[in-house]
PDB file of all heavy atoms in Angstrom:
ATOM      1  N   CYS A   1       0.844  -1.234  -0.008  1.00  0.00           N
ATOM      2  CA  CYS A   1      -0.043  -0.011  -0.017  1.00  0.00           C
ATOM      3  C   CYS A   1       0.860   1.279   0.058  1.00  0.00           C
ATOM      4  O   CYS A   1       0.610   2.193  -0.753  1.00  0.00           O
ATOM      5  CB  CYS A   1      -0.914   0.005   1.195  1.00  0.00           C
ATOM      6  SG  CYS A   1      -2.250  -1.174   1.110  1.00  0.00           S
ATOM      7  N   ILE A   2       1.822   1.273   0.783  1.00  0.00           N
ATOM      8  CA  ILE A   2       2.758   2.462   0.904  1.00  0.00           C
ATOM      9  C   ILE A   2       3.464   2.658  -0.444  1.00  0.00           C
ATOM     10  O   ILE A   2       3.489   3.818  -0.925  1.00  0.00           O
ATOM     11  CB  ILE A   2       3.755   2.343   2.109  1.00  0.00           C
ATOM     12  CG1 ILE A   2       2.992   2.381   3.367  1.00  0.00           C
ATOM     13  CG2 ILE A   2       4.832   3.353   2.013  1.00  0.00           C
ATOM     14  CD1 ILE A   2       3.801   1.929   4.638  1.00  0.00           C
ATOM     15  N   ILE A   3       4.082   1.664  -0.983  1.00  0.00           N
ATOM     16  CA  ILE A   3       4.806   1.820  -2.209  1.00  0.00           C
ATOM     17  C   ILE A   3       3.860   2.225  -3.366  1.00  0.00           C
ATOM     18  O   ILE A   3       4.260   3.002  -4.271  1.00  0.00           O
ATOM     19  CB  ILE A   3       5.671   0.603  -2.627  1.00  0.00           C
ATOM     20  CG1 ILE A   3       6.728   0.983  -3.662  1.00  0.00           C
ATOM     21  CG2 ILE A   3       4.808  -0.590  -3.037  1.00  0.00           C
ATOM     22  CD1 ILE A   3       7.824   1.809  -3.210  1.00  0.00           C
ATOM     23  N   SER A   4       2.633   1.702  -3.334  1.00  0.00           N
ATOM     24  CA  SER A   4       1.626   2.053  -4.365  1.00  0.00           C
ATOM     25  C   SER A   4       1.211   3.559  -4.230  1.00  0.00           C
ATOM     26  O   SER A   4       1.140   4.231  -5.275  1.00  0.00           O
ATOM     27  CB  SER A   4       0.356   1.194  -4.218  1.00  0.00           C
ATOM     28  OG  SER A   4       0.734  -0.128  -4.539  1.00  0.00           O
ATOM     29  N   ILE A   5       1.116   3.987  -3.010  1.00  0.00           N
ATOM     30  CA  ILE A   5       0.717   5.461  -2.823  1.00  0.00           C
ATOM     31  C   ILE A   5       1.833   6.338  -3.284  1.00  0.00           C
ATOM     32  O   ILE A   5       1.629   7.365  -4.001  1.00  0.00           O
ATOM     33  CB  ILE A   5       0.365   5.726  -1.355  1.00  0.00           C
ATOM     34  CG1 ILE A   5      -0.962   5.009  -1.065  1.00  0.00           C
ATOM     35  CG2 ILE A   5       0.270   7.219  -1.081  1.00  0.00           C
ATOM     36  CD1 ILE A   5      -1.272   4.960   0.451  1.00  0.00           C
ATOM     37  N   ILE A   6       3.055   5.979  -2.943  1.00  0.00           N
ATOM     38  CA  ILE A   6       4.178   6.811  -3.380  1.00  0.00           C
ATOM     39  C   ILE A   6       4.335   6.820  -4.868  1.00  0.00           C
ATOM     40  O   ILE A   6       4.567   7.854  -5.490  1.00  0.00           O
ATOM     41  CB  ILE A   6       5.550   6.243  -2.722  1.00  0.00           C
ATOM     42  CG1 ILE A   6       5.540   6.473  -1.245  1.00  0.00           C
ATOM     43  CG2 ILE A   6       6.796   6.879  -3.344  1.00  0.00           C
ATOM     44  CD1 ILE A   6       6.660   5.776  -0.531  1.00  0.00           C
ATOM     45  N   THR A   7       4.087   5.645  -5.504  1.00  0.00           N
ATOM     46  CA  THR A   7       4.136   5.549  -6.961  1.00  0.00           C
ATOM     47  C   THR A   7       3.068   6.399  -7.628  1.00  0.00           C
ATOM     48  O   THR A   7       3.364   7.096  -8.637  1.00  0.00           O
ATOM     49  CB  THR A   7       4.034   4.084  -7.349  1.00  0.00           C
ATOM     50  OG1 THR A   7       5.056   3.298  -6.715  1.00  0.00           O
ATOM     51  CG2 THR A   7       4.187   3.918  -8.867  1.00  0.00           C
ATOM     52  N   VAL A   8       1.868   6.403  -7.076  1.00  0.00           N
ATOM     53  CA  VAL A   8       0.813   7.286  -7.635  1.00  0.00           C
ATOM     54  C   VAL A   8       1.188   8.714  -7.501  1.00  0.00           C
ATOM     55  O   VAL A   8       1.063   9.491  -8.491  1.00  0.00           O
ATOM     56  CB  VAL A   8      -0.550   6.979  -6.914  1.00  0.00           C
ATOM     57  CG1 VAL A   8      -1.568   8.061  -7.278  1.00  0.00           C
ATOM     58  CG2 VAL A   8      -1.035   5.625  -7.253  1.00  0.00           C
ATOM     59  N   ILE A   9       1.714   9.101  -6.371  1.00  0.00           N
ATOM     60  CA  ILE A   9       2.110  10.542  -6.190  1.00  0.00           C
ATOM     61  C   ILE A   9       3.193  10.953  -7.191  1.00  0.00           C
ATOM     62  O   ILE A   9       3.018  12.012  -7.788  1.00  0.00           O
ATOM     63  CB  ILE A   9       2.614  10.718  -4.699  1.00  0.00           C
ATOM     64  CG1 ILE A   9       1.364  10.643  -3.747  1.00  0.00           C
ATOM     65  CG2 ILE A   9       3.316  12.109  -4.521  1.00  0.00           C
ATOM     66  CD1 ILE A   9       1.781  10.563  -2.269  1.00  0.00           C
ATOM     67  N   ILE A  10       4.214  10.128  -7.410  1.00  0.00           N
ATOM     68  CA  ILE A  10       5.287  10.526  -8.290  1.00  0.00           C
ATOM     69  C   ILE A  10       4.790  10.526  -9.732  1.00  0.00           C
ATOM     70  O   ILE A  10       5.234  11.315 -10.581  1.00  0.00           O
ATOM     71  CB  ILE A  10       6.605   9.755  -8.108  1.00  0.00           C
ATOM     72  CG1 ILE A  10       6.459   8.292  -8.508  1.00  0.00           C
ATOM     73  CG2 ILE A  10       7.107   9.966  -6.696  1.00  0.00           C
ATOM     74  CD1 ILE A  10       7.790   7.616  -8.644  1.00  0.00           C
ATOM     75  N   THR A  11       3.904   9.601 -10.060  1.00  0.00           N
ATOM     76  CA  THR A  11       3.334   9.593 -11.407  1.00  0.00           C
ATOM     77  C   THR A  11       2.510  10.821 -11.688  1.00  0.00           C
ATOM     78  O   THR A  11       2.673  11.448 -12.774  1.00  0.00           O
ATOM     79  CB  THR A  11       2.540   8.258 -11.578  1.00  0.00           C
ATOM     80  OG1 THR A  11       3.345   7.177 -11.298  1.00  0.00           O
ATOM     81  CG2 THR A  11       2.060   8.195 -13.067  1.00  0.00           C
ATOM     82  N   VAL A  12       1.672  11.184 -10.764  1.00  0.00           N
ATOM     83  CA  VAL A  12       0.902  12.426 -10.936  1.00  0.00           C
ATOM     84  C   VAL A  12       1.754  13.652 -10.967  1.00  0.00           C
ATOM     85  O   VAL A  12       1.502  14.573 -11.804  1.00  0.00           O
ATOM     86  CB  VAL A  12      -0.221  12.486  -9.817  1.00  0.00           C
ATOM     87  CG1 VAL A  12      -0.896  13.850  -9.835  1.00  0.00           C
ATOM     88  CG2 VAL A  12      -1.161  11.358  -9.984  1.00  0.00           C
ATOM     89  N   LYS A  13       2.788  13.679 -10.099  1.00  0.00           N
ATOM     90  CA  LYS A  13       3.730  14.830 -10.103  1.00  0.00           C
ATOM     91  C   LYS A  13       4.490  14.906 -11.492  1.00  0.00           C
ATOM     92  O   LYS A  13       4.601  16.030 -12.047  1.00  0.00           O
ATOM     93  CB  LYS A  13       4.723  14.646  -8.977  1.00  0.00           C
ATOM     94  CG  LYS A  13       5.646  15.787  -8.865  1.00  0.00           C
ATOM     95  CD  LYS A  13       6.617  15.594  -7.715  1.00  0.00           C
ATOM     96  CE  LYS A  13       7.608  16.744  -7.635  1.00  0.00           C
ATOM     97  NZ  LYS A  13       8.570  16.621  -6.571  1.00  0.00           N
ATOM     98  N   ASP A  14       4.837  13.849 -12.096  1.00  0.00           N
ATOM     99  CA  ASP A  14       5.480  13.807 -13.311  1.00  0.00           C
ATOM    100  C   ASP A  14       4.587  14.306 -14.447  1.00  0.00           C
ATOM    101  O   ASP A  14       4.942  15.078 -15.288  1.00  0.00           O
ATOM    102  CB  ASP A  14       6.065  12.417 -13.773  1.00  0.00           C
ATOM    103  CG  ASP A  14       6.875  12.467 -14.986  1.00  0.00           C
ATOM    104  OD1 ASP A  14       7.852  13.289 -15.019  1.00  0.00           O
ATOM    105  OD2 ASP A  14       6.613  11.734 -15.936  1.00  0.00           O
ATOM    106  N   LYS A  15       3.306  13.914 -14.391  1.00  0.00           N
ATOM    107  CA  LYS A  15       2.341  14.418 -15.335  1.00  0.00           C
ATOM    108  C   LYS A  15       2.159  15.910 -15.240  1.00  0.00           C
ATOM    109  O   LYS A  15       2.116  16.691 -16.202  1.00  0.00           O
ATOM    110  CB  LYS A  15       0.957  13.689 -15.143  1.00  0.00           C
ATOM    111  CG  LYS A  15      -0.155  14.277 -15.855  1.00  0.00           C
ATOM    112  CD  LYS A  15      -0.162  13.949 -17.349  1.00  0.00           C
ATOM    113  CE  LYS A  15      -1.439  14.479 -18.023  1.00  0.00           C
ATOM    114  NZ  LYS A  15      -1.664  13.920 -19.306  1.00  0.00           N
ATOM    115  N   SER A  16       2.050  16.421 -14.024  1.00  0.00           N
ATOM    116  CA  SER A  16       1.906  17.827 -13.798  1.00  0.00           C
ATOM    117  C   SER A  16       3.154  18.596 -14.277  1.00  0.00           C
ATOM    118  O   SER A  16       3.074  19.634 -14.930  1.00  0.00           O
ATOM    119  CB  SER A  16       1.729  18.103 -12.277  1.00  0.00           C
ATOM    120  OG  SER A  16       1.708  19.410 -11.977  1.00  0.00           O
ATOM    121  N   ALA A  17       4.377  18.053 -14.014  1.00  0.00           N
ATOM    122  CA  ALA A  17       5.543  18.627 -14.470  1.00  0.00           C
ATOM    123  C   ALA A  17       5.652  18.655 -15.993  1.00  0.00           C
ATOM    124  O   ALA A  17       6.097  19.669 -16.610  1.00  0.00           O
ATOM    125  CB  ALA A  17       6.749  17.970 -13.887  1.00  0.00           C
ATOM    126  N   ALA A  18       5.153  17.662 -16.623  1.00  0.00           N
ATOM    127  CA  ALA A  18       5.138  17.596 -18.118  1.00  0.00           C
ATOM    128  C   ALA A  18       4.262  18.618 -18.646  1.00  0.00           C
ATOM    129  O   ALA A  18       4.587  19.257 -19.714  1.00  0.00           O
ATOM    130  CB  ALA A  18       4.677  16.173 -18.597  1.00  0.00           C
ATOM    131  N   GLN A  19       3.125  18.891 -18.024  1.00  0.00           N
ATOM    132  CA  GLN A  19       2.222  19.884 -18.553  1.00  0.00           C
ATOM    133  C   GLN A  19       2.713  21.294 -18.370  1.00  0.00           C
ATOM    134  O   GLN A  19       2.400  22.177 -19.132  1.00  0.00           O
ATOM    135  CB  GLN A  19       0.842  19.698 -17.841  1.00  0.00           C
ATOM    136  CG  GLN A  19       0.140  18.420 -18.288  1.00  0.00           C
ATOM    137  CD  GLN A  19      -1.176  18.202 -17.468  1.00  0.00           C
ATOM    138  OE1 GLN A  19      -1.225  18.558 -16.296  1.00  0.00           O
ATOM    139  NE2 GLN A  19      -2.181  17.675 -18.205  1.00  0.00           N
ATOM    140  N   SER A  20       3.482  21.498 -17.285  1.00  0.00           N
ATOM    141  CA  SER A  20       3.911  22.887 -17.010  1.00  0.00           C
ATOM    142  C   SER A  20       5.380  23.104 -17.431  1.00  0.00           C
ATOM    143  O   SER A  20       5.980  24.226 -17.201  1.00  0.00           O
ATOM    144  CB  SER A  20       3.759  23.173 -15.524  1.00  0.00           C
ATOM    145  OG  SER A  20       4.577  22.263 -14.746  1.00  0.00           O
ATOM    146  N   GLY A  21       6.036  22.147 -18.057  1.00  0.00           N
ATOM    147  CA  GLY A  21       7.349  22.331 -18.535  1.00  0.00           C
ATOM    148  C   GLY A  21       8.436  22.392 -17.435  1.00  0.00           C
ATOM    149  O   GLY A  21       9.498  22.923 -17.674  1.00  0.00           O
ATOM    150  N   LYS A  22       8.149  21.804 -16.306  1.00  0.00           N
ATOM    151  CA  LYS A  22       9.074  21.841 -15.194  1.00  0.00           C
ATOM    152  C   LYS A  22       9.883  20.588 -15.252  1.00  0.00           C
ATOM    153  O   LYS A  22       9.790  19.695 -16.117  1.00  0.00           O
ATOM    154  CB  LYS A  22       8.324  21.931 -13.904  1.00  0.00           C
ATOM    155  CG  LYS A  22       7.575  23.249 -13.695  1.00  0.00           C
ATOM    156  CD  LYS A  22       6.902  23.282 -12.382  1.00  0.00           C
ATOM    157  CE  LYS A  22       6.182  24.638 -12.234  1.00  0.00           C
ATOM    158  NZ  LYS A  22       5.430  24.763 -10.995  1.00  0.00           N
ATOM    159  N   TRP A  23      10.796  20.429 -14.200  1.00  0.00           N
ATOM    160  CA  TRP A  23      11.688  19.283 -14.047  1.00  0.00           C
ATOM    161  C   TRP A  23      10.902  18.006 -14.013  1.00  0.00           C
ATOM    162  O   TRP A  23       9.879  17.947 -13.229  1.00  0.00           O
ATOM    163  CB  TRP A  23      12.530  19.503 -12.848  1.00  0.00           C
ATOM    164  CG  TRP A  23      13.494  18.294 -12.571  1.00  0.00           C
ATOM    165  CD1 TRP A  23      14.688  18.111 -13.117  1.00  0.00           C
ATOM    166  CD2 TRP A  23      13.249  17.221 -11.676  1.00  0.00           C
ATOM    167  NE1 TRP A  23      15.149  16.905 -12.586  1.00  0.00           N
ATOM    168  CE2 TRP A  23      14.321  16.379 -11.757  1.00  0.00           C
ATOM    169  CE3 TRP A  23      12.112  16.836 -10.807  1.00  0.00           C
ATOM    170  CZ2 TRP A  23      14.346  15.195 -11.035  1.00  0.00           C
ATOM    171  CZ3 TRP A  23      12.254  15.688 -10.132  1.00  0.00           C
ATOM    172  CH2 TRP A  23      13.321  14.869 -10.218  1.00  0.00           C
ATOM    173  N   ARG A  24      11.256  16.992 -14.757  1.00  0.00           N
ATOM    174  CA  ARG A  24      10.564  15.775 -14.818  1.00  0.00           C
ATOM    175  C   ARG A  24      11.203  14.719 -13.975  1.00  0.00           C
ATOM    176  O   ARG A  24      12.390  14.671 -13.707  1.00  0.00           O
ATOM    177  CB  ARG A  24      10.514  15.219 -16.286  1.00  0.00           C
ATOM    178  CG  ARG A  24       9.906  16.186 -17.303  1.00  0.00           C
ATOM    179  CD  ARG A  24       8.411  16.249 -17.221  1.00  0.00           C
ATOM    180  NE  ARG A  24       7.820  14.934 -17.366  1.00  0.00           N
ATOM    181  CZ  ARG A  24       7.554  14.364 -18.517  1.00  0.00           C
ATOM    182  NH1 ARG A  24       7.822  14.934 -19.690  1.00  0.00           N
ATOM    183  NH2 ARG A  24       6.984  13.176 -18.582  1.00  0.00           N
ATOM    184  N   ILE A  25      10.409  13.704 -13.527  1.00  0.00           N
ATOM    185  CA  ILE A  25      10.933  12.576 -12.863  1.00  0.00           C
ATOM    186  C   ILE A  25      11.509  11.607 -13.896  1.00  0.00           C
ATOM    187  O   ILE A  25      10.823  11.217 -14.892  1.00  0.00           O
ATOM    188  CB  ILE A  25       9.795  11.936 -12.000  1.00  0.00           C
ATOM    189  CG1 ILE A  25       9.366  12.891 -10.919  1.00  0.00           C
ATOM    190  CG2 ILE A  25      10.305  10.626 -11.463  1.00  0.00           C
ATOM    191  CD1 ILE A  25       8.118  12.454 -10.166  1.00  0.00           C
ATOM    192  N   PRO A  26      12.763  11.189 -13.687  1.00  0.00           N
ATOM    193  CA  PRO A  26      13.360  10.282 -14.680  1.00  0.00           C
ATOM    194  C   PRO A  26      12.568   8.992 -14.851  1.00  0.00           C
ATOM    195  O   PRO A  26      12.007   8.416 -13.887  1.00  0.00           O
ATOM    196  CB  PRO A  26      14.754   9.999 -14.152  1.00  0.00           C
ATOM    197  CG  PRO A  26      15.028  11.113 -13.165  1.00  0.00           C
ATOM    198  CD  PRO A  26      13.684  11.525 -12.607  1.00  0.00           C
ATOM    199  N   GLU A  27      12.503   8.474 -16.047  1.00  0.00           N
ATOM    200  CA  GLU A  27      11.805   7.255 -16.280  1.00  0.00           C
ATOM    201  C   GLU A  27      12.421   6.127 -15.517  1.00  0.00           C
ATOM    202  O   GLU A  27      11.682   5.233 -15.057  1.00  0.00           O
ATOM    203  CB  GLU A  27      11.750   6.868 -17.781  1.00  0.00           C
ATOM    204  CG  GLU A  27      10.938   7.781 -18.599  1.00  0.00           C
ATOM    205  CD  GLU A  27      10.845   7.390 -20.105  1.00  0.00           C
ATOM    206  OE1 GLU A  27      11.500   6.399 -20.523  1.00  0.00           O
ATOM    207  OE2 GLU A  27      10.043   7.995 -20.838  1.00  0.00           O
ATOM    208  N   ALA A  28      13.703   6.090 -15.286  1.00  0.00           N
ATOM    209  CA  ALA A  28      14.331   5.040 -14.523  1.00  0.00           C
ATOM    210  C   ALA A  28      13.762   5.043 -13.082  1.00  0.00           C
ATOM    211  O   ALA A  28      13.585   3.960 -12.489  1.00  0.00           O
ATOM    212  CB  ALA A  28      15.857   5.287 -14.474  1.00  0.00           C
ATOM    213  N   ARG A  29      13.447   6.250 -12.541  1.00  0.00           N
ATOM    214  CA  ARG A  29      12.917   6.267 -11.175  1.00  0.00           C
ATOM    215  C   ARG A  29      11.486   5.728 -11.196  1.00  0.00           C
ATOM    216  O   ARG A  29      11.112   5.003 -10.290  1.00  0.00           O
ATOM    217  CB  ARG A  29      12.944   7.687 -10.622  1.00  0.00           C
ATOM    218  CG  ARG A  29      12.429   7.730  -9.206  1.00  0.00           C
ATOM    219  CD  ARG A  29      12.771   9.051  -8.503  1.00  0.00           C
ATOM    220  NE  ARG A  29      14.182   9.277  -8.468  1.00  0.00           N
ATOM    221  CZ  ARG A  29      14.703  10.490  -8.553  1.00  0.00           C
ATOM    222  NH1 ARG A  29      13.904  11.567  -8.639  1.00  0.00           N
ATOM    223  NH2 ARG A  29      15.933  10.694  -8.548  1.00  0.00           N
ATOM    224  N   LEU A  30      10.726   6.028 -12.165  1.00  0.00           N
ATOM    225  CA  LEU A  30       9.396   5.513 -12.327  1.00  0.00           C
ATOM    226  C   LEU A  30       9.421   4.020 -12.380  1.00  0.00           C
ATOM    227  O   LEU A  30       8.638   3.271 -11.740  1.00  0.00           O
ATOM    228  CB  LEU A  30       8.633   6.094 -13.549  1.00  0.00           C
ATOM    229  CG  LEU A  30       8.321   7.594 -13.506  1.00  0.00           C
ATOM    230  CD1 LEU A  30       7.827   8.036 -14.832  1.00  0.00           C
ATOM    231  CD2 LEU A  30       7.327   7.924 -12.408  1.00  0.00           C
ATOM    232  N   PHE A  31      10.316   3.419 -13.151  1.00  0.00           N
ATOM    233  CA  PHE A  31      10.457   1.986 -13.221  1.00  0.00           C
ATOM    234  C   PHE A  31      11.010   1.399 -11.934  1.00  0.00           C
ATOM    235  O   PHE A  31      10.605   0.294 -11.604  1.00  0.00           O
ATOM    236  CB  PHE A  31      11.375   1.598 -14.432  1.00  0.00           C
ATOM    237  CG  PHE A  31      10.593   1.418 -15.710  1.00  0.00           C
ATOM    238  CD1 PHE A  31      10.837   2.316 -16.721  1.00  0.00           C
ATOM    239  CD2 PHE A  31       9.661   0.386 -15.848  1.00  0.00           C
ATOM    240  CE1 PHE A  31      10.121   2.170 -17.936  1.00  0.00           C
ATOM    241  CE2 PHE A  31       8.995   0.211 -17.052  1.00  0.00           C
ATOM    242  CZ  PHE A  31       9.202   1.128 -18.063  1.00  0.00           C
ATOM    243  N   THR A  32      11.828   2.146 -11.257  1.00  0.00           N
ATOM    244  CA  THR A  32      12.335   1.612  -9.953  1.00  0.00           C
ATOM    245  C   THR A  32      11.153   1.443  -8.968  1.00  0.00           C
ATOM    246  O   THR A  32      11.089   0.330  -8.347  1.00  0.00           O
ATOM    247  CB  THR A  32      13.371   2.596  -9.365  1.00  0.00           C
ATOM    248  OG1 THR A  32      14.472   2.725 -10.227  1.00  0.00           O
ATOM    249  CG2 THR A  32      13.799   2.150  -7.966  1.00  0.00           C
ATOM    250  N   TYR A  33      10.334   2.408  -8.882  1.00  0.00           N
ATOM    251  CA  TYR A  33       9.184   2.237  -8.007  1.00  0.00           C
ATOM    252  C   TYR A  33       8.190   1.137  -8.512  1.00  0.00           C
ATOM    253  O   TYR A  33       7.572   0.451  -7.664  1.00  0.00           O
ATOM    254  CB  TYR A  33       8.352   3.618  -7.897  1.00  0.00           C
ATOM    255  CG  TYR A  33       9.015   4.506  -6.902  1.00  0.00           C
ATOM    256  CD1 TYR A  33       9.959   5.534  -7.347  1.00  0.00           C
ATOM    257  CD2 TYR A  33       8.825   4.394  -5.510  1.00  0.00           C
ATOM    258  CE1 TYR A  33      10.553   6.363  -6.440  1.00  0.00           C
ATOM    259  CE2 TYR A  33       9.485   5.189  -4.613  1.00  0.00           C
ATOM    260  CZ  TYR A  33      10.341   6.143  -5.110  1.00  0.00           C
ATOM    261  OH  TYR A  33      10.946   7.016  -4.177  1.00  0.00           O
ATOM    262  N   ALA A  34       8.111   0.987  -9.780  1.00  0.00           N
ATOM    263  CA  ALA A  34       7.372  -0.151 -10.333  1.00  0.00           C
ATOM    264  C   ALA A  34       7.941  -1.467  -9.881  1.00  0.00           C
ATOM    265  O   ALA A  34       7.215  -2.380  -9.413  1.00  0.00           O
ATOM    266  CB  ALA A  34       7.268  -0.078 -11.886  1.00  0.00           C
ATOM    267  N   PHE A  35       9.248  -1.655 -10.033  1.00  0.00           N
ATOM    268  CA  PHE A  35       9.904  -2.896  -9.582  1.00  0.00           C
ATOM    269  C   PHE A  35       9.807  -3.148  -8.077  1.00  0.00           C
ATOM    270  O   PHE A  35       9.687  -4.262  -7.660  1.00  0.00           O
ATOM    271  CB  PHE A  35      11.371  -2.868  -9.962  1.00  0.00           C
ATOM    272  CG  PHE A  35      11.631  -3.289 -11.390  1.00  0.00           C
ATOM    273  CD1 PHE A  35      12.141  -2.368 -12.290  1.00  0.00           C
ATOM    274  CD2 PHE A  35      11.388  -4.627 -11.819  1.00  0.00           C
ATOM    275  CE1 PHE A  35      12.340  -2.740 -13.660  1.00  0.00           C
ATOM    276  CE2 PHE A  35      11.665  -4.958 -13.132  1.00  0.00           C
ATOM    277  CZ  PHE A  35      12.111  -4.072 -13.991  1.00  0.00           C
ATOM    278  N   LEU A  36       9.746  -2.041  -7.295  1.00  0.00           N
ATOM    279  CA  LEU A  36       9.649  -2.183  -5.899  1.00  0.00           C
ATOM    280  C   LEU A  36       8.226  -2.549  -5.402  1.00  0.00           C
ATOM    281  O   LEU A  36       8.010  -2.763  -4.197  1.00  0.00           O
ATOM    282  CB  LEU A  36      10.097  -0.893  -5.201  1.00  0.00           C
ATOM    283  CG  LEU A  36      11.588  -0.561  -5.357  1.00  0.00           C
ATOM    284  CD1 LEU A  36      11.853   0.816  -4.767  1.00  0.00           C
ATOM    285  CD2 LEU A  36      12.424  -1.640  -4.653  1.00  0.00           C
ATOM    286  N   GLY A  37       7.263  -2.583  -6.303  1.00  0.00           N
ATOM    287  CA  GLY A  37       5.919  -3.065  -5.968  1.00  0.00           C
ATOM    288  C   GLY A  37       4.824  -2.133  -6.404  1.00  0.00           C
ATOM    289  O   GLY A  37       3.679  -2.451  -6.216  1.00  0.00           O
ATOM    290  N   GLY A  38       5.203  -1.028  -7.105  1.00  0.00           N
ATOM    291  CA  GLY A  38       4.166  -0.076  -7.469  1.00  0.00           C
ATOM    292  C   GLY A  38       3.669  -0.221  -8.901  1.00  0.00           C
ATOM    293  O   GLY A  38       2.979   0.649  -9.436  1.00  0.00           O
ATOM    294  N   ALA A  39       4.006  -1.296  -9.626  1.00  0.00           N
ATOM    295  CA  ALA A  39       3.715  -1.416 -11.039  1.00  0.00           C
ATOM    296  C   ALA A  39       2.247  -1.301 -11.331  1.00  0.00           C
ATOM    297  O   ALA A  39       1.830  -0.620 -12.232  1.00  0.00           O
ATOM    298  CB  ALA A  39       4.271  -2.721 -11.587  1.00  0.00           C
TER     299      ALA A  39
END
């Protein structure tokens, strides 16, 4: 549950950053959280 909540937060944050042209979360980090249980 915790890793899933963190993964949702960083995914939404990356979407928001993409829309506003801000710093993005690296894809490697998104996949790391997926591997850790948030896929």
